[in-house]
All heavy atoms as atom14 arrays in JSON, in Angstrom:
{
  "sequence": "GPFKIDDVPSGKWQIKVALFHNRYTASPVDVSVSGQTPVQNVNVEIV",
  "atom14_mask": [
    [1, 1, 1, 1, 0, 0, 0, 0, 0, 0, 0, 0, 0, 0],
    [1, 1, 1, 1, 1, 1, 1, 0, 0, 0, 0, 0, 0, 0],
    [1, 1, 1, 1, 1, 1, 1, 1, 1, 1, 1, 0, 0, 0],
    [1, 1, 1, 1, 1, 1, 1, 1, 1, 0, 0, 0, 0, 0],
    [1, 1, 1, 1, 1, 1, 1, 1, 0, 0, 0, 0, 0, 0],
    [1, 1, 1, 1, 1, 1, 1, 1, 0, 0, 0, 0, 0, 0],
    [1, 1, 1, 1, 1, 1, 1, 1, 0, 0, 0, 0, 0, 0],
    [1, 1, 1, 1, 1, 1, 1, 0, 0, 0, 0, 0, 0, 0],
    [1, 1, 1, 1, 1, 1, 1, 0, 0, 0, 0, 0, 0, 0],
    [1, 1, 1, 1, 1, 1, 0, 0, 0, 0, 0, 0, 0, 0],
    [1, 1, 1, 1, 0, 0, 0, 0, 0, 0, 0, 0, 0, 0],
    [1, 1, 1, 1, 1, 1, 1, 1, 1, 0, 0, 0, 0, 0],
    [1, 1, 1, 1, 1, 1, 1, 1, 1, 1, 1, 1, 1, 1],
    [1, 1, 1, 1, 1, 1, 1, 1, 1, 0, 0, 0, 0, 0],
    [1, 1, 1, 1, 1, 1, 1, 1, 0, 0, 0, 0, 0, 0],
    [1, 1, 1, 1, 1, 1, 1, 1, 1, 0, 0, 0, 0, 0],
    [1, 1, 1, 1, 1, 1, 1, 0, 0, 0, 0, 0, 0, 0],
    [1, 1, 1, 1, 1, 0, 0, 0, 0, 0, 0, 0, 0, 0],
    [1, 1, 1, 1, 1, 1, 1, 1, 0, 0, 0, 0, 0, 0],
    [1, 1, 1, 1, 1, 1, 1, 1, 1, 1, 1, 0, 0, 0],
    [1, 1, 1, 1, 1, 1, 1, 1, 1, 1, 0, 0, 0, 0],
    [1, 1, 1, 1, 1, 1, 1, 1, 0, 0, 0, 0, 0, 0],
    [1, 1, 1, 1, 1, 1, 1, 1, 1, 1, 1, 0, 0, 0],
    [1, 1, 1, 1, 1, 1, 1, 1, 1, 1, 1, 1, 0, 0],
    [1, 1, 1, 1, 1, 1, 1, 0, 0, 0, 0, 0, 0, 0],
    [1, 1, 1, 1, 1, 0, 0, 0, 0, 0, 0, 0, 0, 0],
    [1, 1, 1, 1, 1, 1, 0, 0, 0, 0, 0, 0, 0, 0],
    [1, 1, 1, 1, 1, 1, 1, 0, 0, 0, 0, 0, 0, 0],
    [1, 1, 1, 1, 1, 1, 1, 0, 0, 0, 0, 0, 0, 0],
    [1, 1, 1, 1, 1, 1, 1, 1, 0, 0, 0, 0, 0, 0],
    [1, 1, 1, 1, 1, 1, 1, 0, 0, 0, 0, 0, 0, 0],
    [1, 1, 1, 1, 1, 1, 0, 0, 0, 0, 0, 0, 0, 0],
    [1, 1, 1, 1, 1, 1, 1, 0, 0, 0, 0, 0, 0, 0],
    [1, 1, 1, 1, 1, 1, 0, 0, 0, 0, 0, 0, 0, 0],
    [1, 1, 1, 1, 0, 0, 0, 0, 0, 0, 0, 0, 0, 0],
    [1, 1, 1, 1, 1, 1, 1, 1, 1, 0, 0, 0, 0, 0],
    [1, 1, 1, 1, 1, 1, 1, 0, 0, 0, 0, 0, 0, 0],
    [1, 1, 1, 1, 1, 1, 1, 0, 0, 0, 0, 0, 0, 0],
    [1, 1, 1, 1, 1, 1, 1, 0, 0, 0, 0, 0, 0, 0],
    [1, 1, 1, 1, 1, 1, 1, 1, 1, 0, 0, 0, 0, 0],
    [1, 1, 1, 1, 1, 1, 1, 1, 0, 0, 0, 0, 0, 0],
    [1, 1, 1, 1, 1, 1, 1, 0, 0, 0, 0, 0, 0, 0],
    [1, 1, 1, 1, 1, 1, 1, 1, 0, 0, 0, 0, 0, 0],
    [1, 1, 1, 1, 1, 1, 1, 0, 0, 0, 0, 0, 0, 0],
    [1, 1, 1, 1, 1, 1, 1, 1, 1, 0, 0, 0, 0, 0],
    [1, 1, 1, 1, 1, 1, 1, 1, 0, 0, 0, 0, 0, 0],
    [1, 1, 1, 1, 1, 1, 1, 0, 0, 0, 0, 0, 0, 0]
  ],
  "atom14_positions": [
    [[13.66, -4.53, 1.18], [14.95, -3.85, 1.22], [14.87, -2.6, 2.07], [13.94, -2.42, 2.86], [0.0, 0.0, 0.0], [0.0, 0.0, 0.0], [0.0, 0.0, 0.0], [0.0, 0.0, 0.0], [0.0, 0.0, 0.0], [0.0, 0.0, 0.0], [0.0, 0.0, 0.0], [0.0, 0.0, 0.0], [0.0, 0.0, 0.0], [0.0, 0.0, 0.0]],
    [[15.83, -1.67, 1.89], [15.88, -0.46, 2.71], [14.69, 0.46, 2.46], [14.16, 0.52, 1.36], [17.19, 0.22, 2.28], [17.99, -0.85, 1.61], [17.0, -1.78, 0.99], [0.0, 0.0, 0.0], [0.0, 0.0, 0.0], [0.0, 0.0, 0.0], [0.0, 0.0, 0.0], [0.0, 0.0, 0.0], [0.0, 0.0, 0.0], [0.0, 0.0, 0.0]],
    [[14.29, 1.17, 3.51], [13.26, 2.2, 3.37], [13.64, 3.41, 4.2], [14.43, 3.32, 5.15], [11.87, 1.68, 3.78], [11.73, 1.38, 5.25], [11.36, 2.37, 6.15], [11.97, 0.11, 5.73], [11.24, 2.1, 7.51], [11.85, -0.18, 7.09], [11.48, 0.81, 7.98], [0.0, 0.0, 0.0], [0.0, 0.0, 0.0], [0.0, 0.0, 0.0]],
    [[13.07, 4.55, 3.85], [13.32, 5.8, 4.58], [12.07, 6.65, 4.53], [11.49, 6.84, 3.46], [14.5, 6.55, 3.96], [14.84, 7.86, 4.65], [15.97, 8.56, 3.91], [16.3, 9.91, 4.51], [17.35, 10.63, 3.75], [0.0, 0.0, 0.0], [0.0, 0.0, 0.0], [0.0, 0.0, 0.0], [0.0, 0.0, 0.0], [0.0, 0.0, 0.0]],
    [[11.64, 7.15, 5.68], [10.46, 8.0, 5.76], [10.87, 9.29, 6.47], [11.32, 9.25, 7.62], [9.31, 7.3, 6.52], [8.95, 5.97, 5.83], [8.09, 8.21, 6.59], [7.93, 5.15, 6.58], [0.0, 0.0, 0.0], [0.0, 0.0, 0.0], [0.0, 0.0, 0.0], [0.0, 0.0, 0.0], [0.0, 0.0, 0.0], [0.0, 0.0, 0.0]],
    [[10.73, 10.42, 5.8], [11.16, 11.71, 6.34], [10.04, 12.44, 7.06], [8.86, 12.15, 6.87], [11.69, 12.6, 5.2], [12.99, 12.09, 4.61], [13.8, 11.53, 5.37], [13.19, 12.26, 3.39], [0.0, 0.0, 0.0], [0.0, 0.0, 0.0], [0.0, 0.0, 0.0], [0.0, 0.0, 0.0], [0.0, 0.0, 0.0], [0.0, 0.0, 0.0]],
    [[10.45, 13.42, 7.87], [9.52, 14.38, 8.5], [8.47, 13.72, 9.39], [7.3, 14.11, 9.4], [8.82, 15.23, 7.44], [9.82, 16.03, 6.61], [10.83, 16.47, 7.18], [9.59, 16.19, 5.4], [0.0, 0.0, 0.0], [0.0, 0.0, 0.0], [0.0, 0.0, 0.0], [0.0, 0.0, 0.0], [0.0, 0.0, 0.0], [0.0, 0.0, 0.0]],
    [[8.89, 12.7, 10.15], [7.96, 11.99, 11.04], [7.84, 12.75, 12.36], [8.84, 12.98, 13.04], [8.45, 10.55, 11.31], [7.47, 9.83, 12.24], [8.62, 9.79, 10.01], [0.0, 0.0, 0.0], [0.0, 0.0, 0.0], [0.0, 0.0, 0.0], [0.0, 0.0, 0.0], [0.0, 0.0, 0.0], [0.0, 0.0, 0.0], [0.0, 0.0, 0.0]],
    [[6.65, 13.18, 12.77], [6.49, 13.91, 14.03], [6.79, 13.04, 15.25], [6.72, 11.81, 15.19], [5.01, 14.31, 14.0], [4.58, 14.18, 12.59], [5.4, 13.07, 12.02], [0.0, 0.0, 0.0], [0.0, 0.0, 0.0], [0.0, 0.0, 0.0], [0.0, 0.0, 0.0], [0.0, 0.0, 0.0], [0.0, 0.0, 0.0], [0.0, 0.0, 0.0]],
    [[7.1, 13.7, 16.36], [7.35, 12.99, 17.61], [6.12, 12.21, 18.04], [4.99, 12.63, 17.82], [7.76, 13.98, 18.7], [8.96, 14.64, 18.37], [0.0, 0.0, 0.0], [0.0, 0.0, 0.0], [0.0, 0.0, 0.0], [0.0, 0.0, 0.0], [0.0, 0.0, 0.0], [0.0, 0.0, 0.0], [0.0, 0.0, 0.0], [0.0, 0.0, 0.0]],
    [[6.36, 11.07, 18.68], [5.27, 10.25, 19.18], [5.57, 8.78, 19.03], [6.66, 8.38, 18.6], [0.0, 0.0, 0.0], [0.0, 0.0, 0.0], [0.0, 0.0, 0.0], [0.0, 0.0, 0.0], [0.0, 0.0, 0.0], [0.0, 0.0, 0.0], [0.0, 0.0, 0.0], [0.0, 0.0, 0.0], [0.0, 0.0, 0.0], [0.0, 0.0, 0.0]],
    [[4.6, 7.96, 19.41], [4.73, 6.52, 19.27], [3.98, 6.07, 18.02], [2.83, 6.46, 17.8], [4.18, 5.81, 20.51], [5.01, 6.06, 21.76], [4.46, 5.29, 22.95], [5.31, 5.53, 24.2], [4.77, 4.78, 25.36], [0.0, 0.0, 0.0], [0.0, 0.0, 0.0], [0.0, 0.0, 0.0], [0.0, 0.0, 0.0], [0.0, 0.0, 0.0]],
    [[4.67, 5.24, 17.24], [4.12, 4.8, 15.96], [4.3, 3.29, 15.81], [5.12, 2.68, 16.49], [4.87, 5.47, 14.8], [4.82, 6.96, 14.78], [5.6, 7.83, 15.49], [3.92, 7.77, 14.0], [5.26, 9.13, 15.21], [4.24, 9.12, 14.29], [2.91, 7.49, 13.09], [3.57, 10.18, 13.7], [2.24, 8.54, 12.49], [2.57, 9.88, 12.81]],
    [[3.52, 2.73, 14.93], [3.73, 1.35, 14.5], [4.09, 1.35, 13.03], [3.43, 2.01, 12.22], [2.47, 0.49, 14.71], [2.29, -0.04, 16.11], [1.24, -1.14, 16.16], [0.36, -1.2, 15.32], [1.33, -2.0, 17.16], [0.0, 0.0, 0.0], [0.0, 0.0, 0.0], [0.0, 0.0, 0.0], [0.0, 0.0, 0.0], [0.0, 0.0, 0.0]],
    [[5.16, 0.62, 12.69], [5.51, 0.44, 11.29], [4.79, -0.8, 10.79], [4.89, -1.88, 11.37], [7.03, 0.24, 11.12], [7.8, 1.39, 11.75], [7.38, 0.11, 9.64], [9.3, 1.19, 11.7], [0.0, 0.0, 0.0], [0.0, 0.0, 0.0], [0.0, 0.0, 0.0], [0.0, 0.0, 0.0], [0.0, 0.0, 0.0], [0.0, 0.0, 0.0]],
    [[4.05, -0.64, 9.69], [3.32, -1.75, 9.11], [3.67, -1.87, 7.63], [4.15, -0.91, 7.01], [1.82, -1.57, 9.28], [1.36, -1.59, 10.74], [-0.16, -1.54, 10.85], [-0.61, -1.69, 12.3], [-2.09, -1.7, 12.42], [0.0, 0.0, 0.0], [0.0, 0.0, 0.0], [0.0, 0.0, 0.0], [0.0, 0.0, 0.0], [0.0, 0.0, 0.0]],
    [[3.44, -3.05, 7.07], [3.73, -3.29, 5.67], [2.49, -3.86, 5.0], [1.91, -4.85, 5.48], [4.91, -4.27, 5.48], [5.18, -4.5, 3.99], [6.16, -3.74, 6.17], [0.0, 0.0, 0.0], [0.0, 0.0, 0.0], [0.0, 0.0, 0.0], [0.0, 0.0, 0.0], [0.0, 0.0, 0.0], [0.0, 0.0, 0.0], [0.0, 0.0, 0.0]],
    [[2.06, -3.24, 3.92], [0.95, -3.77, 3.11], [1.55, -4.69, 2.06], [2.39, -4.28, 1.26], [0.19, -2.64, 2.45], [0.0, 0.0, 0.0], [0.0, 0.0, 0.0], [0.0, 0.0, 0.0], [0.0, 0.0, 0.0], [0.0, 0.0, 0.0], [0.0, 0.0, 0.0], [0.0, 0.0, 0.0], [0.0, 0.0, 0.0], [0.0, 0.0, 0.0]],
    [[1.12, -5.95, 2.09], [1.62, -6.97, 1.16], [0.52, -7.38, 0.21], [-0.66, -7.39, 0.55], [2.11, -8.21, 1.93], [3.29, -8.0, 2.88], [3.43, -9.21, 3.79], [4.56, -7.8, 2.1], [0.0, 0.0, 0.0], [0.0, 0.0, 0.0], [0.0, 0.0, 0.0], [0.0, 0.0, 0.0], [0.0, 0.0, 0.0], [0.0, 0.0, 0.0]],
    [[0.9, -7.77, -1.0], [-0.08, -8.21, -1.99], [0.01, -9.71, -2.23], [-0.46, -10.21, -3.23], [0.12, -7.46, -3.31], [0.09, -5.96, -3.14], [0.93, -5.16, -3.87], [-0.77, -5.37, -2.24], [0.91, -3.78, -3.72], [-0.81, -4.0, -2.07], [0.04, -3.2, -2.81], [0.0, 0.0, 0.0], [0.0, 0.0, 0.0], [0.0, 0.0, 0.0]],
    [[0.64, -10.42, -1.29], [0.78, -11.87, -1.39], [0.12, -12.49, -0.16], [0.54, -12.24, 0.97], [2.25, -12.26, -1.46], [2.48, -13.62, -2.05], [1.92, -14.76, -1.53], [3.21, -14.02, -3.13], [2.3, -15.81, -2.25], [3.08, -15.38, -3.23], [0.0, 0.0, 0.0], [0.0, 0.0, 0.0], [0.0, 0.0, 0.0], [0.0, 0.0, 0.0]],
    [[-0.9, -13.3, -0.38], [-1.7, -13.83, 0.73], [-0.95, -14.8, 1.63], [-1.39, -15.07, 2.75], [-2.95, -14.52, 0.18], [-3.92, -13.54, -0.45], [-3.97, -12.37, -0.06], [-4.69, -13.99, -1.43], [0.0, 0.0, 0.0], [0.0, 0.0, 0.0], [0.0, 0.0, 0.0], [0.0, 0.0, 0.0], [0.0, 0.0, 0.0], [0.0, 0.0, 0.0]],
    [[0.16, -15.36, 1.17], [0.86, -16.37, 1.96], [1.86, -15.77, 2.94], [2.45, -16.5, 3.73], [1.58, -17.35, 1.03], [0.64, -18.23, 0.23], [1.35, -19.47, -0.25], [2.52, -19.17, -1.04], [2.65, -19.46, -2.34], [1.65, -20.02, -2.98], [3.75, -19.16, -3.0], [0.0, 0.0, 0.0], [0.0, 0.0, 0.0], [0.0, 0.0, 0.0]],
    [[2.05, -14.44, 2.9], [3.05, -13.82, 3.74], [2.44, -12.7, 4.58], [1.41, -12.12, 4.23], [4.2, -13.25, 2.89], [4.98, -14.33, 2.17], [4.61, -14.72, 0.89], [6.06, -14.95, 2.78], [5.32, -15.72, 0.24], [6.77, -15.95, 2.13], [6.39, -16.33, 0.85], [7.08, -17.32, 0.2], [0.0, 0.0, 0.0], [0.0, 0.0, 0.0]],
    [[3.11, -12.38, 5.68], [2.65, -11.33, 6.57], [3.86, -10.66, 7.22], [4.96, -11.22, 7.24], [1.71, -11.89, 7.66], [1.17, -10.81, 8.42], [2.44, -12.84, 8.59], [0.0, 0.0, 0.0], [0.0, 0.0, 0.0], [0.0, 0.0, 0.0], [0.0, 0.0, 0.0], [0.0, 0.0, 0.0], [0.0, 0.0, 0.0], [0.0, 0.0, 0.0]],
    [[3.65, -9.46, 7.74], [4.7, -8.74, 8.46], [4.11, -8.23, 9.77], [3.08, -7.55, 9.77], [5.23, -7.58, 7.63], [0.0, 0.0, 0.0], [0.0, 0.0, 0.0], [0.0, 0.0, 0.0], [0.0, 0.0, 0.0], [0.0, 0.0, 0.0], [0.0, 0.0, 0.0], [0.0, 0.0, 0.0], [0.0, 0.0, 0.0], [0.0, 0.0, 0.0]],
    [[4.75, -8.58, 10.88], [4.27, -8.13, 12.19], [4.6, -6.65, 12.38], [5.7, -6.2, 12.02], [4.91, -8.95, 13.31], [4.54, -10.31, 13.2], [0.0, 0.0, 0.0], [0.0, 0.0, 0.0], [0.0, 0.0, 0.0], [0.0, 0.0, 0.0], [0.0, 0.0, 0.0], [0.0, 0.0, 0.0], [0.0, 0.0, 0.0], [0.0, 0.0, 0.0]],
    [[3.68, -5.86, 12.94], [3.97, -4.44, 13.2], [5.16, -4.27, 14.14], [5.4, -5.1, 15.02], [2.68, -3.93, 13.84], [1.62, -4.91, 13.43], [2.32, -6.23, 13.34], [0.0, 0.0, 0.0], [0.0, 0.0, 0.0], [0.0, 0.0, 0.0], [0.0, 0.0, 0.0], [0.0, 0.0, 0.0], [0.0, 0.0, 0.0], [0.0, 0.0, 0.0]],
    [[5.89, -3.19, 13.96], [7.04, -2.87, 14.81], [6.77, -1.53, 15.48], [6.47, -0.54, 14.81], [8.34, -2.81, 13.99], [9.5, -2.37, 14.88], [8.64, -4.15, 13.36], [0.0, 0.0, 0.0], [0.0, 0.0, 0.0], [0.0, 0.0, 0.0], [0.0, 0.0, 0.0], [0.0, 0.0, 0.0], [0.0, 0.0, 0.0], [0.0, 0.0, 0.0]],
    [[6.85, -1.48, 16.83], [6.63, -0.25, 17.57], [7.91, 0.59, 17.58], [9.01, 0.07, 17.84], [6.22, -0.56, 19.02], [4.86, -1.23, 19.1], [3.96, -0.83, 18.34], [4.7, -2.16, 19.91], [0.0, 0.0, 0.0], [0.0, 0.0, 0.0], [0.0, 0.0, 0.0], [0.0, 0.0, 0.0], [0.0, 0.0, 0.0], [0.0, 0.0, 0.0]],
    [[7.75, 1.88, 17.32], [8.89, 2.8, 17.38], [8.46, 4.08, 18.08], [7.28, 4.44, 18.07], [9.44, 3.14, 15.98], [10.05, 1.92, 15.32], [8.36, 3.74, 15.1], [0.0, 0.0, 0.0], [0.0, 0.0, 0.0], [0.0, 0.0, 0.0], [0.0, 0.0, 0.0], [0.0, 0.0, 0.0], [0.0, 0.0, 0.0], [0.0, 0.0, 0.0]],
    [[9.42, 4.77, 18.69], [9.18, 6.07, 19.3], [10.07, 7.1, 18.62], [11.27, 6.87, 18.44], [9.5, 6.03, 20.81], [8.57, 5.21, 21.5], [0.0, 0.0, 0.0], [0.0, 0.0, 0.0], [0.0, 0.0, 0.0], [0.0, 0.0, 0.0], [0.0, 0.0, 0.0], [0.0, 0.0, 0.0], [0.0, 0.0, 0.0], [0.0, 0.0, 0.0]],
    [[9.48, 8.2, 18.25], [10.21, 9.29, 17.6], [10.21, 10.47, 18.55], [9.17, 10.85, 19.1], [9.55, 9.68, 16.26], [10.24, 10.89, 15.65], [9.59, 8.51, 15.29], [0.0, 0.0, 0.0], [0.0, 0.0, 0.0], [0.0, 0.0, 0.0], [0.0, 0.0, 0.0], [0.0, 0.0, 0.0], [0.0, 0.0, 0.0], [0.0, 0.0, 0.0]],
    [[11.39, 11.06, 18.76], [11.52, 12.19, 19.68], [12.31, 13.3, 19.03], [13.49, 13.14, 18.7], [12.21, 11.74, 20.98], [12.36, 12.84, 21.87], [0.0, 0.0, 0.0], [0.0, 0.0, 0.0], [0.0, 0.0, 0.0], [0.0, 0.0, 0.0], [0.0, 0.0, 0.0], [0.0, 0.0, 0.0], [0.0, 0.0, 0.0], [0.0, 0.0, 0.0]],
    [[11.64, 14.43, 18.83], [12.33, 15.59, 18.27], [12.91, 15.31, 16.9], [12.3, 14.68, 16.04], [0.0, 0.0, 0.0], [0.0, 0.0, 0.0], [0.0, 0.0, 0.0], [0.0, 0.0, 0.0], [0.0, 0.0, 0.0], [0.0, 0.0, 0.0], [0.0, 0.0, 0.0], [0.0, 0.0, 0.0], [0.0, 0.0, 0.0], [0.0, 0.0, 0.0]],
    [[14.17, 15.77, 16.7], [14.84, 15.61, 15.42], [15.84, 14.45, 15.43], [16.62, 14.3, 14.5], [15.56, 16.91, 15.04], [14.6, 18.08, 14.85], [15.33, 19.36, 14.47], [16.55, 19.44, 14.52], [14.57, 20.38, 14.1], [0.0, 0.0, 0.0], [0.0, 0.0, 0.0], [0.0, 0.0, 0.0], [0.0, 0.0, 0.0], [0.0, 0.0, 0.0]],
    [[15.8, 13.64, 16.47], [16.72, 12.51, 16.56], [16.31, 11.42, 15.57], [15.19, 10.9, 15.66], [16.73, 11.91, 17.98], [17.06, 12.94, 18.91], [17.74, 10.78, 18.08], [0.0, 0.0, 0.0], [0.0, 0.0, 0.0], [0.0, 0.0, 0.0], [0.0, 0.0, 0.0], [0.0, 0.0, 0.0], [0.0, 0.0, 0.0], [0.0, 0.0, 0.0]],
    [[17.18, 11.04, 14.63], [16.81, 10.01, 13.65], [16.59, 8.65, 14.32], [17.25, 8.31, 15.31], [18.03, 9.96, 12.71], [18.75, 11.25, 12.92], [18.51, 11.61, 14.36], [0.0, 0.0, 0.0], [0.0, 0.0, 0.0], [0.0, 0.0, 0.0], [0.0, 0.0, 0.0], [0.0, 0.0, 0.0], [0.0, 0.0, 0.0], [0.0, 0.0, 0.0]],
    [[15.66, 7.91, 13.8], [15.43, 6.52, 14.21], [15.94, 5.65, 13.07], [15.42, 5.71, 11.96], [13.95, 6.24, 14.49], [13.75, 4.79, 14.9], [13.42, 7.19, 15.56], [0.0, 0.0, 0.0], [0.0, 0.0, 0.0], [0.0, 0.0, 0.0], [0.0, 0.0, 0.0], [0.0, 0.0, 0.0], [0.0, 0.0, 0.0], [0.0, 0.0, 0.0]],
    [[16.95, 4.83, 13.36], [17.63, 4.09, 12.3], [17.65, 2.6, 12.57], [17.39, 2.14, 13.69], [19.07, 4.61, 12.13], [19.16, 6.09, 11.77], [20.58, 6.61, 11.75], [21.4, 6.19, 12.55], [20.87, 7.51, 10.83], [0.0, 0.0, 0.0], [0.0, 0.0, 0.0], [0.0, 0.0, 0.0], [0.0, 0.0, 0.0], [0.0, 0.0, 0.0]],
    [[17.97, 1.85, 11.53], [18.2, 0.4, 11.62], [17.0, -0.35, 12.2], [17.15, -1.27, 13.01], [19.45, 0.11, 12.46], [20.69, 0.77, 11.89], [20.88, 0.78, 10.67], [21.51, 1.33, 12.76], [0.0, 0.0, 0.0], [0.0, 0.0, 0.0], [0.0, 0.0, 0.0], [0.0, 0.0, 0.0], [0.0, 0.0, 0.0], [0.0, 0.0, 0.0]],
    [[15.82, 0.06, 11.78], [14.61, -0.65, 12.21], [14.34, -1.77, 11.21], [14.22, -1.52, 10.01], [13.4, 0.31, 12.26], [12.15, -0.45, 12.69], [13.67, 1.48, 13.19], [0.0, 0.0, 0.0], [0.0, 0.0, 0.0], [0.0, 0.0, 0.0], [0.0, 0.0, 0.0], [0.0, 0.0, 0.0], [0.0, 0.0, 0.0], [0.0, 0.0, 0.0]],
    [[14.26, -2.99, 11.69], [14.03, -4.14, 10.82], [12.59, -4.63, 10.92], [12.04, -4.78, 12.01], [14.97, -5.29, 11.19], [16.42, -4.98, 10.85], [16.69, -4.28, 9.87], [17.34, -5.47, 11.64], [0.0, 0.0, 0.0], [0.0, 0.0, 0.0], [0.0, 0.0, 0.0], [0.0, 0.0, 0.0], [0.0, 0.0, 0.0], [0.0, 0.0, 0.0]],
    [[11.98, -4.83, 9.77], [10.62, -5.38, 9.7], [10.72, -6.7, 8.95], [11.18, -6.75, 7.82], [9.67, -4.43, 8.95], [8.25, -4.99, 8.96], [9.69, -3.03, 9.58], [0.0, 0.0, 0.0], [0.0, 0.0, 0.0], [0.0, 0.0, 0.0], [0.0, 0.0, 0.0], [0.0, 0.0, 0.0], [0.0, 0.0, 0.0], [0.0, 0.0, 0.0]],
    [[10.31, -7.78, 9.6], [10.46, -9.11, 9.03], [9.17, -9.56, 8.35], [8.09, -9.48, 8.92], [10.82, -10.13, 10.13], [12.16, -9.86, 10.8], [13.34, -10.32, 9.96], [13.1, -11.05, 8.97], [14.48, -9.96, 10.29], [0.0, 0.0, 0.0], [0.0, 0.0, 0.0], [0.0, 0.0, 0.0], [0.0, 0.0, 0.0], [0.0, 0.0, 0.0]],
    [[9.31, -10.04, 7.12], [8.21, -10.68, 6.41], [8.38, -12.18, 6.54], [9.45, -12.73, 6.25], [8.2, -10.29, 4.92], [7.93, -8.79, 4.78], [7.14, -11.08, 4.16], [8.0, -8.29, 3.36], [0.0, 0.0, 0.0], [0.0, 0.0, 0.0], [0.0, 0.0, 0.0], [0.0, 0.0, 0.0], [0.0, 0.0, 0.0], [0.0, 0.0, 0.0]],
    [[7.34, -12.86, 7.0], [7.43, -14.3, 7.2], [6.22, -14.98, 6.57], [5.19, -14.36, 6.3], [7.48, -14.66, 8.71], [8.73, -14.07, 9.37], [6.23, -14.17, 9.42], [0.0, 0.0, 0.0], [0.0, 0.0, 0.0], [0.0, 0.0, 0.0], [0.0, 0.0, 0.0], [0.0, 0.0, 0.0], [0.0, 0.0, 0.0], [0.0, 0.0, 0.0]]
  ]
}
């Protein structure tokens, strides 16, 4: 579902998900954060 992470410094990051189910995985998503501009609507798919 929805997530929110505050106070992220500027730079390039990868969003990752730690799962406790061996049959599923989530591919990392690359994001760039610049200044105080919010980064929104980032979707991470579990397959």
